[in-house]
N, C-alpha and C. Protein backbone atom coordinates (compact mmCIF):
# COMPACT_ATOMS: atom_id res chain seq x y z
N MET A 1 -3.88 -22.32 0.06
CA MET A 1 -3.97 -20.63 0.42
C MET A 1 -3.23 -19.74 -0.58
N LYS A 2 -2.43 -20.48 -0.60
CA LYS A 2 -1.59 -19.56 -2.36
C LYS A 2 -2.33 -19.57 -3.42
N PHE A 3 -3.12 -20.72 -3.70
CA PHE A 3 -4.21 -21.15 -5.05
C PHE A 3 -5.34 -20.01 -4.61
N ASN A 4 -5.77 -20.07 -3.46
CA ASN A 4 -7.15 -19.19 -3.10
C ASN A 4 -6.64 -17.65 -3.91
N LYS A 5 -5.49 -16.97 -3.17
CA LYS A 5 -5.14 -15.90 -3.34
C LYS A 5 -4.78 -15.77 -4.70
N LEU A 6 -4.58 -16.20 -5.98
CA LEU A 6 -4.22 -16.26 -6.97
C LEU A 6 -5.39 -16.34 -7.66
N VAL A 7 -6.37 -17.29 -7.21
CA VAL A 7 -8.00 -17.15 -7.67
C VAL A 7 -8.77 -15.80 -7.69
N VAL A 8 -8.13 -15.41 -6.33
CA VAL A 8 -9.36 -13.82 -5.76
C VAL A 8 -8.72 -12.60 -6.62
N LEU A 9 -7.31 -12.88 -6.63
CA LEU A 9 -6.44 -11.20 -7.98
C LEU A 9 -6.94 -11.68 -9.03
N THR A 10 -7.02 -13.16 -9.47
CA THR A 10 -7.49 -13.20 -11.21
C THR A 10 -9.05 -12.63 -11.21
N ILE A 11 -9.90 -13.11 -10.28
CA ILE A 11 -11.05 -12.66 -10.49
C ILE A 11 -11.47 -11.17 -10.53
N THR A 12 -10.47 -10.69 -9.00
CA THR A 12 -10.45 -9.48 -8.85
C THR A 12 -10.25 -8.40 -10.53
N ILE A 13 -8.84 -9.24 -11.04
CA ILE A 13 -8.75 -8.08 -12.33
C ILE A 13 -9.47 -8.68 -13.79
N LEU A 14 -9.93 -9.79 -13.49
CA LEU A 14 -11.27 -10.08 -14.57
C LEU A 14 -11.99 -9.10 -14.53
N LEU A 15 -12.66 -8.92 -13.44
CA LEU A 15 -13.86 -7.91 -13.14
C LEU A 15 -13.27 -6.73 -13.53
N ALA A 16 -12.33 -5.95 -13.25
CA ALA A 16 -12.18 -4.53 -12.89
C ALA A 16 -11.89 -4.54 -14.47
N PHE A 17 -11.34 -5.18 -14.98
CA PHE A 17 -11.02 -4.83 -16.49
C PHE A 17 -12.20 -5.32 -17.54
N GLY A 18 -13.06 -6.25 -17.39
CA GLY A 18 -14.17 -6.91 -17.97
C GLY A 18 -15.14 -6.14 -17.96
N TRP A 19 -15.55 -5.40 -16.67
CA TRP A 19 -16.79 -4.46 -16.08
C TRP A 19 -16.34 -2.90 -16.36
N GLY A 20 -15.05 -2.99 -16.56
CA GLY A 20 -14.60 -1.14 -17.37
C GLY A 20 -14.66 -0.26 -16.03
N LEU A 21 -14.50 -1.51 -14.90
CA LEU A 21 -14.14 -0.27 -13.71
C LEU A 21 -12.59 0.58 -13.76
N ILE A 22 -11.75 -0.49 -14.33
CA ILE A 22 -10.41 0.44 -14.92
C ILE A 22 -10.24 0.61 -16.25
N SER A 23 -9.74 1.58 -16.70
CA SER A 23 -9.77 2.15 -18.46
C SER A 23 -8.26 2.66 -18.37
N PHE A 24 -7.99 2.53 -19.42
CA PHE A 24 -6.34 2.66 -19.76
C PHE A 24 -6.52 3.70 -21.11
N GLN A 25 -5.34 4.67 -21.47
CA GLN A 25 -5.52 5.35 -22.43
C GLN A 25 -3.73 5.11 -22.84
N ASP A 26 -3.39 4.94 -24.09
CA ASP A 26 -2.17 5.00 -24.29
C ASP A 26 -1.32 6.05 -24.57
N THR A 27 -0.12 6.05 -23.78
CA THR A 27 0.41 7.49 -24.31
C THR A 27 2.32 7.05 -24.44
N ASN A 28 2.68 7.18 -25.16
CA ASN A 28 4.18 6.60 -25.65
C ASN A 28 4.49 5.34 -25.40
N ALA A 29 3.56 4.25 -25.20
CA ALA A 29 3.65 2.97 -25.20
C ALA A 29 3.87 3.06 -23.45
N GLU A 30 3.22 3.98 -22.78
CA GLU A 30 3.07 3.71 -21.48
C GLU A 30 1.62 3.57 -21.24
N THR A 31 1.16 2.99 -20.18
CA THR A 31 -0.04 2.59 -19.84
C THR A 31 -0.56 3.28 -18.50
N ILE A 32 -1.33 4.21 -18.78
CA ILE A 32 -1.41 5.42 -17.73
C ILE A 32 -3.02 5.42 -17.31
N VAL A 33 -3.43 5.30 -16.08
CA VAL A 33 -4.78 4.78 -15.85
C VAL A 33 -5.20 6.60 -15.00
N LEU A 34 -4.56 6.79 -13.97
CA LEU A 34 -4.54 8.11 -13.12
C LEU A 34 -3.66 8.92 -13.07
N GLN A 35 -3.73 10.39 -13.19
CA GLN A 35 -2.31 10.71 -12.55
C GLN A 35 -2.67 12.21 -12.13
N ASN A 36 -1.54 13.37 -11.72
CA ASN A 36 -2.14 14.78 -10.95
C ASN A 36 -2.86 15.46 -11.83
N GLY A 37 -3.94 15.95 -11.41
CA GLY A 37 -4.73 16.74 -12.33
C GLY A 37 -6.11 16.68 -12.86
N ASP A 38 -5.95 14.72 -12.95
CA ASP A 38 -7.39 14.14 -13.53
C ASP A 38 -8.43 14.36 -12.47
N ARG A 39 -9.54 14.00 -13.26
CA ARG A 39 -10.87 13.98 -12.36
C ARG A 39 -11.70 12.42 -12.84
N HIS A 40 -11.69 11.72 -12.33
CA HIS A 40 -12.31 10.64 -12.62
C HIS A 40 -12.91 9.45 -11.32
N ALA A 41 -13.94 8.74 -11.68
CA ALA A 41 -14.51 8.12 -10.70
C ALA A 41 -13.66 7.22 -10.39
N ASP A 42 -12.55 6.81 -11.01
CA ASP A 42 -11.68 5.81 -10.45
C ASP A 42 -10.71 6.39 -9.76
N VAL A 43 -10.54 7.30 -9.32
CA VAL A 43 -9.79 7.96 -8.37
C VAL A 43 -10.13 7.65 -7.35
N ILE A 44 -11.53 7.75 -6.95
CA ILE A 44 -12.17 7.48 -5.61
C ILE A 44 -11.83 6.24 -5.08
N THR A 45 -11.57 4.85 -6.11
CA THR A 45 -11.14 3.79 -5.32
C THR A 45 -10.24 3.49 -5.40
N LEU A 46 -8.88 4.54 -6.08
CA LEU A 46 -7.67 4.49 -5.81
C LEU A 46 -7.25 5.10 -4.42
N LYS A 47 -8.17 5.85 -4.20
CA LYS A 47 -7.89 6.35 -2.65
C LYS A 47 -8.23 5.45 -1.67
N ILE A 48 -9.40 4.92 -1.97
CA ILE A 48 -10.04 3.92 -0.85
C ILE A 48 -8.84 2.75 -0.83
N ASP A 49 -7.88 2.36 -1.96
CA ASP A 49 -7.64 1.11 -1.65
C ASP A 49 -6.36 1.46 -1.01
N LEU A 50 -6.05 2.62 -1.59
CA LEU A 50 -4.53 3.22 -0.54
C LEU A 50 -4.62 3.50 0.57
N ASP A 51 -6.03 3.84 1.18
CA ASP A 51 -5.96 3.71 2.50
C ASP A 51 -6.18 2.70 3.23
N LYS A 52 -6.63 1.71 2.48
CA LYS A 52 -6.55 0.21 2.81
C LYS A 52 -5.36 -0.92 3.56
N VAL A 53 -4.40 0.19 2.67
CA VAL A 53 -3.12 -0.32 2.99
C VAL A 53 -2.25 0.53 3.58
N GLY A 54 -2.97 1.59 3.86
CA GLY A 54 -1.91 2.36 5.01
C GLY A 54 -1.28 3.64 4.60
N PHE A 55 -1.87 4.17 3.08
CA PHE A 55 -1.26 5.07 2.83
C PHE A 55 -2.46 6.33 2.27
N THR A 56 -2.87 7.02 3.42
CA THR A 56 -4.21 7.28 3.06
C THR A 56 -3.96 9.14 2.45
N VAL A 57 -5.00 9.45 2.14
CA VAL A 57 -4.81 10.64 1.39
C VAL A 57 -5.52 11.75 2.35
N PRO A 58 -5.01 13.07 2.87
CA PRO A 58 -6.01 13.68 3.63
C PRO A 58 -6.98 14.40 2.98
N GLY A 59 -8.15 14.44 3.69
CA GLY A 59 -9.31 15.59 3.49
C GLY A 59 -10.30 14.23 2.95
N ASN A 60 -11.32 14.48 2.28
CA ASN A 60 -12.36 14.06 2.04
C ASN A 60 -11.82 12.90 0.46
N THR A 61 -12.75 11.91 0.44
CA THR A 61 -11.99 10.99 -0.72
C THR A 61 -13.38 11.80 -2.01
N THR A 62 -12.59 12.62 -2.94
CA THR A 62 -13.16 12.83 -3.97
C THR A 62 -12.50 12.23 -5.27
N ASN A 63 -12.90 12.69 -6.43
CA ASN A 63 -12.84 12.07 -7.70
C ASN A 63 -11.56 12.69 -8.04
N TYR A 64 -10.77 13.45 -7.64
CA TYR A 64 -9.61 14.66 -8.00
C TYR A 64 -8.42 13.62 -7.55
N PHE A 65 -7.40 13.89 -8.44
CA PHE A 65 -6.25 13.19 -8.07
C PHE A 65 -5.35 14.39 -8.12
N GLY A 66 -5.19 14.59 -6.90
CA GLY A 66 -4.05 15.84 -6.64
C GLY A 66 -2.60 15.80 -6.00
N SER A 67 -1.94 16.57 -5.89
CA SER A 67 -0.46 16.48 -5.31
C SER A 67 -0.78 15.53 -3.97
N GLN A 68 -1.85 15.25 -3.27
CA GLN A 68 -1.81 14.39 -1.93
C GLN A 68 -2.00 13.25 -2.27
N THR A 69 -2.98 12.90 -3.59
CA THR A 69 -3.08 11.66 -4.06
C THR A 69 -1.43 11.16 -4.68
N GLU A 70 -1.04 11.90 -5.72
CA GLU A 70 0.13 11.82 -6.31
C GLU A 70 1.26 11.64 -5.28
N ALA A 71 1.28 11.94 -3.74
CA ALA A 71 2.39 12.00 -3.10
C ALA A 71 2.29 10.38 -2.29
N GLN A 72 0.95 10.20 -1.94
CA GLN A 72 0.79 8.86 -1.27
C GLN A 72 1.12 7.61 -2.34
N VAL A 73 0.95 7.89 -3.89
CA VAL A 73 0.93 6.83 -4.73
C VAL A 73 2.77 6.84 -4.78
N MET A 74 3.06 7.69 -5.09
CA MET A 74 4.81 8.00 -5.02
C MET A 74 5.21 7.01 -3.94
N ALA A 75 4.68 6.85 -2.74
CA ALA A 75 5.05 6.36 -1.58
C ALA A 75 4.88 5.04 -1.54
N PHE A 76 3.57 4.50 -1.68
CA PHE A 76 3.36 3.18 -2.40
C PHE A 76 3.88 2.71 -3.35
N GLN A 77 4.79 3.23 -4.66
CA GLN A 77 5.18 2.67 -5.38
C GLN A 77 6.63 2.36 -4.68
N GLN A 78 7.47 3.80 -3.76
CA GLN A 78 8.80 3.22 -3.52
C GLN A 78 8.80 2.04 -2.35
N ILE A 79 7.93 1.82 -1.92
CA ILE A 79 7.37 0.54 -0.78
C ILE A 79 7.53 -0.58 -1.68
N GLN A 80 7.06 -0.68 -2.75
CA GLN A 80 6.52 -1.59 -3.43
C GLN A 80 8.16 -1.99 -4.39
N GLY A 81 8.43 -1.22 -4.41
CA GLY A 81 10.36 -1.36 -5.65
C GLY A 81 9.67 -1.18 -6.42
N LEU A 82 8.27 -0.28 -7.22
CA LEU A 82 8.10 0.07 -8.50
C LEU A 82 8.72 1.21 -8.57
N PRO A 83 8.81 1.65 -10.02
CA PRO A 83 9.24 3.11 -10.40
C PRO A 83 8.45 4.60 -9.51
N VAL A 84 9.26 5.40 -9.12
CA VAL A 84 8.42 6.18 -8.25
C VAL A 84 7.70 7.25 -9.28
N THR A 85 6.95 7.35 -9.92
CA THR A 85 6.45 8.40 -10.99
C THR A 85 4.83 9.14 -10.31
N GLY A 86 4.52 8.77 -9.33
CA GLY A 86 3.57 9.46 -9.02
C GLY A 86 2.18 9.21 -10.14
N VAL A 87 2.33 8.33 -11.12
CA VAL A 87 1.31 7.99 -11.81
C VAL A 87 0.66 6.87 -11.37
N ALA A 88 -0.56 6.42 -11.29
CA ALA A 88 -1.38 5.20 -10.96
C ALA A 88 -1.45 4.54 -12.43
N ASP A 89 -0.09 3.65 -12.72
CA ASP A 89 -0.32 2.97 -14.64
C ASP A 89 -0.99 1.68 -13.69
N ALA A 90 -0.75 0.34 -14.97
CA ALA A 90 -1.06 -0.50 -14.69
C ALA A 90 -0.40 -1.37 -13.39
N GLN A 91 0.96 -1.55 -13.55
CA GLN A 91 1.62 -2.18 -12.84
C GLN A 91 1.80 -1.80 -11.22
N THR A 92 1.28 -0.11 -11.10
CA THR A 92 0.94 0.10 -9.57
C THR A 92 -0.43 -0.32 -9.19
N LEU A 93 -1.33 -0.14 -10.12
CA LEU A 93 -2.42 -0.92 -9.65
C LEU A 93 -2.73 -2.03 -9.04
N LEU A 94 -1.56 -3.05 -10.08
CA LEU A 94 -1.90 -4.81 -10.00
C LEU A 94 -1.15 -4.87 -8.72
N ALA A 95 0.07 -3.76 -8.23
CA ALA A 95 0.69 -4.24 -6.80
C ALA A 95 -0.37 -3.58 -5.84
N LEU A 96 -1.36 -2.40 -6.10
CA LEU A 96 -2.11 -2.54 -5.15
C LEU A 96 -3.43 -3.00 -4.22
N GLN A 97 -3.35 -3.81 -5.33
CA GLN A 97 -4.69 -5.00 -5.37
C GLN A 97 -3.84 -5.86 -4.67
N HIS A 98 -2.81 -6.49 -4.95
CA HIS A 98 -2.07 -7.38 -4.18
C HIS A 98 -2.53 -7.00 -2.76
N ALA A 99 -1.99 -5.92 -2.81
CA ALA A 99 -1.66 -5.06 -0.86
C ALA A 99 -2.68 -5.48 -0.22
N VAL A 100 -4.10 -4.22 -1.20
CA VAL A 100 -5.14 -4.82 -0.62
C VAL A 100 -5.74 -6.44 -0.35
N ILE A 101 -5.91 -7.09 -1.11
CA ILE A 101 -5.58 -8.81 -0.87
C ILE A 101 -5.30 -8.73 0.32
N ALA A 102 -4.03 -8.94 0.45
CA ALA A 102 -2.99 -9.69 1.24
C ALA A 102 -3.49 -8.48 2.60
N ALA A 103 -3.98 -7.53 2.57
CA ALA A 103 -4.33 -6.51 4.09
C ALA A 103 -5.61 -7.21 4.29
N SER A 104 -6.75 -7.56 3.47
CA SER A 104 -7.94 -8.19 3.75
C SER A 104 -7.79 -9.43 4.26
N GLU A 105 -6.66 -9.89 4.20
CA GLU A 105 -6.20 -11.78 4.58
C GLU A 105 -5.36 -11.71 5.60
N SER A 106 -5.00 -10.39 6.00
CA SER A 106 -4.38 -10.57 7.02
C SER A 106 -4.70 -11.17 8.58
N THR A 107 -3.97 -11.99 9.48
CA THR A 107 -4.50 -11.92 10.92
C THR A 107 -5.23 -11.00 11.57
N PRO A 108 -5.50 -10.90 12.38
CA PRO A 108 -6.29 -9.91 13.22
C PRO A 108 -5.04 -9.78 14.36
N THR A 109 -4.21 -11.16 14.51
CA THR A 109 -3.21 -10.72 15.49
C THR A 109 -1.78 -9.82 15.20
N GLY A 110 -1.07 -8.99 15.64
CA GLY A 110 0.06 -8.30 15.57
C GLY A 110 0.14 -7.14 15.61
N LEU A 111 1.12 -6.28 15.50
CA LEU A 111 1.12 -4.74 15.74
C LEU A 111 0.99 -4.22 14.55
N ARG A 112 0.05 -3.10 14.57
CA ARG A 112 -0.27 -2.25 13.57
C ARG A 112 -0.87 -0.92 13.44
N PHE A 113 -0.88 -0.14 12.78
CA PHE A 113 -0.96 1.60 12.85
C PHE A 113 -2.01 1.69 14.16
N GLY A 114 -1.75 2.77 14.74
CA GLY A 114 -2.54 2.51 15.82
C GLY A 114 -2.03 2.24 17.12
N ASP A 115 -1.51 1.02 17.34
CA ASP A 115 -1.28 0.74 18.56
C ASP A 115 -0.24 0.89 19.47
N ARG A 116 -0.32 1.11 20.80
CA ARG A 116 0.01 1.88 21.41
C ARG A 116 0.65 0.24 22.54
N ASN A 117 1.70 0.11 22.77
CA ASN A 117 1.93 -1.11 24.12
C ASN A 117 3.45 -1.43 24.09
N GLU A 118 4.37 -1.93 24.94
CA GLU A 118 5.29 -1.96 24.98
C GLU A 118 6.49 -2.90 23.93
N ALA A 119 5.39 -3.59 22.88
CA ALA A 119 5.53 -4.43 22.01
C ALA A 119 6.04 -3.66 21.19
N VAL A 120 5.51 -2.83 20.49
CA VAL A 120 5.97 -1.76 19.63
C VAL A 120 7.43 -1.00 20.09
N ILE A 121 7.87 -0.79 21.12
CA ILE A 121 9.25 -0.71 21.14
C ILE A 121 10.23 -1.42 20.79
N GLN A 122 9.88 -3.02 21.60
CA GLN A 122 10.76 -4.08 20.80
C GLN A 122 10.50 -4.10 19.17
N LEU A 123 9.61 -3.54 18.76
CA LEU A 123 9.49 -3.67 17.50
C LEU A 123 10.17 -3.12 16.46
N LYS A 124 10.10 -1.43 17.04
CA LYS A 124 11.55 -0.34 16.43
C LYS A 124 12.44 -0.92 16.80
N ILE A 125 13.21 -1.62 17.61
CA ILE A 125 14.20 -1.89 18.17
C ILE A 125 15.06 -2.83 17.39
N ASP A 126 14.03 -3.74 17.33
CA ASP A 126 14.57 -5.23 16.13
C ASP A 126 14.52 -4.76 14.97
N LEU A 127 13.51 -3.75 14.49
CA LEU A 127 13.90 -2.77 13.19
C LEU A 127 15.06 -2.37 12.58
N ASP A 128 15.55 -1.52 13.39
CA ASP A 128 16.72 -0.49 13.78
C ASP A 128 17.83 -1.58 13.71
N GLN A 129 18.15 -2.41 14.12
CA GLN A 129 18.69 -3.58 14.27
C GLN A 129 19.51 -4.43 12.94
N VAL A 130 18.27 -4.34 12.14
CA VAL A 130 18.41 -4.69 10.84
C VAL A 130 18.72 -3.56 9.72
N GLY A 131 18.55 -2.78 9.90
CA GLY A 131 18.51 -1.64 9.04
C GLY A 131 17.53 -0.60 8.57
N PHE A 132 16.61 -0.72 9.68
CA PHE A 132 14.97 -0.09 9.05
C PHE A 132 14.71 0.77 10.34
N THR A 133 15.53 1.63 10.50
CA THR A 133 15.25 2.94 11.68
C THR A 133 14.07 3.47 11.56
N VAL A 134 13.22 3.39 12.55
CA VAL A 134 12.29 4.70 12.79
C VAL A 134 12.43 6.06 13.16
N PRO A 135 12.49 6.76 12.72
CA PRO A 135 13.17 8.26 13.19
C PRO A 135 12.20 8.54 14.29
N GLY A 136 13.22 9.49 15.27
CA GLY A 136 12.85 9.87 16.32
C GLY A 136 13.09 8.96 17.19
N ASN A 137 12.29 9.45 18.65
CA ASN A 137 12.23 8.72 19.65
C ASN A 137 11.82 7.53 19.84
N THR A 138 12.05 6.49 20.57
CA THR A 138 11.61 5.13 20.59
C THR A 138 10.35 5.35 21.39
N THR A 139 9.22 5.92 21.40
CA THR A 139 8.01 5.38 21.88
C THR A 139 7.18 4.18 21.49
N ASN A 140 6.62 4.08 22.22
CA ASN A 140 5.31 2.72 22.28
C ASN A 140 4.19 3.11 21.46
N TYR A 141 4.43 3.57 20.30
CA TYR A 141 3.25 4.26 19.55
C TYR A 141 3.25 3.75 17.98
N PHE A 142 2.80 2.87 17.38
CA PHE A 142 2.90 2.40 15.90
C PHE A 142 2.27 3.14 15.18
N GLY A 143 3.04 4.61 14.55
CA GLY A 143 2.31 5.49 13.63
C GLY A 143 3.08 4.86 12.16
N SER A 144 2.73 6.21 11.47
CA SER A 144 3.09 5.99 10.12
C SER A 144 4.27 5.71 9.50
N GLN A 145 5.16 6.07 10.45
CA GLN A 145 7.04 6.10 9.99
C GLN A 145 7.45 4.40 10.75
N THR A 146 6.58 3.71 11.79
CA THR A 146 6.61 2.76 11.86
C THR A 146 6.28 1.83 11.10
N GLU A 147 4.95 1.82 10.75
CA GLU A 147 4.58 1.29 9.56
C GLU A 147 5.40 1.13 8.08
N ALA A 148 5.69 2.27 8.02
CA ALA A 148 6.52 2.31 6.33
C ALA A 148 7.75 1.64 6.55
N GLN A 149 8.11 1.54 8.24
CA GLN A 149 9.31 1.04 7.79
C GLN A 149 9.28 -0.72 8.12
N VAL A 150 8.19 -1.40 8.41
CA VAL A 150 7.27 -2.19 8.80
C VAL A 150 7.41 -3.12 6.85
N MET A 151 6.97 -2.10 6.23
CA MET A 151 6.64 -2.10 4.88
C MET A 151 7.74 -2.43 4.14
N ALA A 152 8.80 -1.57 4.41
CA ALA A 152 9.83 -1.60 3.79
C ALA A 152 10.32 -2.78 4.04
N PHE A 153 10.65 -3.62 5.50
CA PHE A 153 11.34 -4.65 5.80
C PHE A 153 10.70 -5.89 4.98
N GLN A 154 9.29 -5.41 5.39
CA GLN A 154 8.28 -7.00 4.70
C GLN A 154 8.48 -7.13 3.11
N GLN A 155 8.78 -5.99 2.28
CA GLN A 155 9.21 -5.84 0.43
C GLN A 155 10.56 -6.39 0.40
N SER A 156 11.70 -6.41 1.47
CA SER A 156 12.88 -6.77 1.61
C SER A 156 12.70 -7.84 1.57
N GLN A 157 12.02 -8.75 2.46
CA GLN A 157 11.83 -10.27 2.90
C GLN A 157 11.06 -11.00 2.13
N GLY A 158 10.43 -10.21 1.05
CA GLY A 158 9.66 -10.97 0.34
C GLY A 158 8.05 -11.92 0.58
N LEU A 159 7.88 -10.85 1.86
CA LEU A 159 6.83 -11.08 2.59
C LEU A 159 5.73 -10.31 2.05
N PRO A 160 4.30 -10.64 2.06
CA PRO A 160 3.49 -10.18 1.89
C PRO A 160 3.68 -8.20 2.67
N VAL A 161 3.28 -7.74 2.03
CA VAL A 161 3.50 -6.09 2.18
C VAL A 161 2.41 -5.47 2.60
N THR A 162 1.98 -5.97 4.09
CA THR A 162 0.75 -5.00 4.75
C THR A 162 0.97 -4.51 5.68
N GLY A 163 1.94 -3.66 5.99
CA GLY A 163 2.62 -2.76 7.07
C GLY A 163 2.11 -3.33 8.89
N VAL A 164 1.32 -4.60 8.56
CA VAL A 164 1.21 -5.02 9.82
C VAL A 164 2.09 -5.83 10.34
N ALA A 165 2.95 -5.71 11.61
CA ALA A 165 3.61 -6.68 11.93
C ALA A 165 3.17 -8.20 12.50
N ASP A 166 2.67 -9.03 11.90
CA ASP A 166 2.15 -10.43 12.10
C ASP A 166 3.25 -11.23 12.57
N GLU A 167 2.80 -12.44 12.66
CA GLU A 167 3.55 -13.62 13.52
C GLU A 167 4.54 -13.69 12.12
N GLN A 168 4.55 -13.55 10.93
CA GLN A 168 5.63 -13.96 10.17
C GLN A 168 6.69 -12.72 10.14
N THR A 169 6.39 -11.53 10.36
CA THR A 169 6.82 -10.50 10.10
C THR A 169 7.80 -10.50 11.38
N LEU A 170 7.36 -10.73 12.74
CA LEU A 170 7.93 -10.58 13.77
C LEU A 170 9.01 -11.81 13.70
């Protein structure tokens, strides 16, 4: 299974670079793909991929990289343990591709964003006991704050960061 993920990731990266889906410009030895204020077709792909892993940019999916996109990139970078710059650099895009692949391969079982049941309450209690407190009341709704804490927990444990409380995460 790990071999297949590596093969898929390698092919995805090769296709993206080889077909020019991702373009780079060098600025002071830092690789920058897209940043606040830019308009580019790759911004649409960035927003779609962010959405796939739980970092939705509100509004229409346009080619404009604005403050809302920057905020979601920063949130993703923070959860992934990357430098929080708000710039979709090569390191961020690679981590995003890993997360998209992991999300697409995740099993349909488990607790995820939008779920509402008693198991969500237990998940929040368990997260709180290990230092990943979900702010607010302990309700039975799995919202964005719960998802963020699940992702932070997964990151801390070296698990695939999907935001889904699957069997391995639980």
